[in-house]
């Protein structure tokens, strides 16, 4: 199964995941940094900067 993004809501009928450990947070941040660097390289040269995605809150 593919890894889910943080912005993806949990599947219906499942509870939220446990909080991430410091190691998981470091790996997640590193992965996001690599993705943003790659996106920047793919859009260079360009007049507009890369805009990070801001996820919406999951309805409760």
C-alpha atoms as a PDB file:
ATOM      1  CA  UNK A   1       0.000   0.000   0.000  1.00  0.00           C
ATOM      2  CA  UNK A   2       1.312   3.469  -0.850  1.00  0.00           C
ATOM      3  CA  UNK A   3       2.320   5.778   1.946  1.00  0.00           C
ATOM      4  CA  UNK A   4      -0.279   8.421   2.717  1.00  0.00           C
ATOM      5  CA  UNK A   5       0.406  12.153   2.843  1.00  0.00           C
ATOM      6  CA  UNK A   6      -0.307  14.076   6.036  1.00  0.00           C
ATOM      7  CA  UNK A   7      -2.961  16.053   4.168  1.00  0.00           C
ATOM      8  CA  UNK A   8      -4.947  12.917   3.307  1.00  0.00           C
ATOM      9  CA  UNK A   9      -7.911  12.355   5.640  1.00  0.00           C
ATOM     10  CA  UNK A  10      -8.075   8.951   7.330  1.00  0.00           C
ATOM     11  CA  UNK A  11     -10.254   6.325   5.637  1.00  0.00           C
ATOM     12  CA  UNK A  12     -13.865   6.174   6.881  1.00  0.00           C
ATOM     13  CA  UNK A  13     -14.304   4.092  10.017  1.00  0.00           C
ATOM     14  CA  UNK A  14     -10.684   4.407  11.188  1.00  0.00           C
ATOM     15  CA  UNK A  15      -9.304   6.394  14.075  1.00  0.00           C
ATOM     16  CA  UNK A  16      -6.555   8.937  13.808  1.00  0.00           C
ATOM     17  CA  UNK A  17      -2.982   7.689  13.843  1.00  0.00           C
ATOM     18  CA  UNK A  18      -0.826   7.906  16.951  1.00  0.00           C
ATOM     19  CA  UNK A  19       1.412  10.989  17.201  1.00  0.00           C
ATOM     20  CA  UNK A  20       4.668  10.623  15.296  1.00  0.00           C
ATOM     21  CA  UNK A  21       7.889   9.895  17.146  1.00  0.00           C
ATOM     22  CA  UNK A  22      10.764  12.414  16.872  1.00  0.00           C
ATOM     23  CA  UNK A  23      12.518  10.076  14.397  1.00  0.00           C
ATOM     24  CA  UNK A  24       9.410   9.830  12.223  1.00  0.00           C
ATOM     25  CA  UNK A  25       9.012  13.623  12.291  1.00  0.00           C
ATOM     26  CA  UNK A  26      12.658  14.081  11.188  1.00  0.00           C
ATOM     27  CA  UNK A  27      12.179  11.618   8.288  1.00  0.00           C
ATOM     28  CA  UNK A  28       8.884  13.279   7.285  1.00  0.00           C
ATOM     29  CA  UNK A  29      10.467  16.752   7.356  1.00  0.00           C
ATOM     30  CA  UNK A  30      13.474  15.523   5.343  1.00  0.00           C
ATOM     31  CA  UNK A  31      11.141  13.919   2.760  1.00  0.00           C
ATOM     32  CA  UNK A  32       9.112  17.150   2.468  1.00  0.00           C
ATOM     33  CA  UNK A  33      12.320  19.176   2.075  1.00  0.00           C
ATOM     34  CA  UNK A  34      13.517  16.885  -0.723  1.00  0.00           C
ATOM     35  CA  UNK A  35      10.140  17.144  -2.484  1.00  0.00           C
ATOM     36  CA  UNK A  36      10.168  20.930  -2.263  1.00  0.00           C
ATOM     37  CA  UNK A  37      13.760  21.109  -3.532  1.00  0.00           C
ATOM     38  CA  UNK A  38      12.829  18.885  -6.483  1.00  0.00           C
ATOM     39  CA  UNK A  39       9.773  21.012  -7.269  1.00  0.00           C
ATOM     40  CA  UNK A  40      11.912  24.142  -7.194  1.00  0.00           C
ATOM     41  CA  UNK A  41      14.478  22.603  -9.550  1.00  0.00           C
ATOM     42  CA  UNK A  42      11.729  21.543 -11.979  1.00  0.00           C
ATOM     43  CA  UNK A  43      10.265  25.055 -12.120  1.00  0.00           C
ATOM     44  CA  UNK A  44      13.559  26.946 -12.455  1.00  0.00           C
ATOM     45  CA  UNK A  45      13.857  29.464 -14.003  1.00  0.00           C
ATOM     46  CA  UNK A  46      10.488  30.938 -13.267  1.00  0.00           C
ATOM     47  CA  UNK A  47       9.128  34.247 -12.072  1.00  0.00           C
ATOM     48  CA  UNK A  48       6.902  32.818  -9.321  1.00  0.00           C
ATOM     49  CA  UNK A  49       8.174  31.010  -6.221  1.00  0.00           C
ATOM     50  CA  UNK A  50       7.011  27.503  -5.263  1.00  0.00           C
ATOM     51  CA  UNK A  51       3.882  27.638  -3.126  1.00  0.00           C
ATOM     52  CA  UNK A  52       3.701  25.010  -0.351  1.00  0.00           C
ATOM     53  CA  UNK A  53       0.400  23.149   0.027  1.00  0.00           C
ATOM     54  CA  UNK A  54      -1.605  24.073   3.122  1.00  0.00           C
ATOM     55  CA  UNK A  55      -3.923  21.176   4.034  1.00  0.00           C
ATOM     56  CA  UNK A  56      -7.468  21.763   5.221  1.00  0.00           C
ATOM     57  CA  UNK A  57      -8.596  20.436   8.576  1.00  0.00           C
ATOM     58  CA  UNK A  58     -10.369  17.085   8.593  1.00  0.00           C
ATOM     59  CA  UNK A  59     -14.046  17.493   9.550  1.00  0.00           C
ATOM     60  CA  UNK A  60     -14.804  15.837  12.848  1.00  0.00           C
END
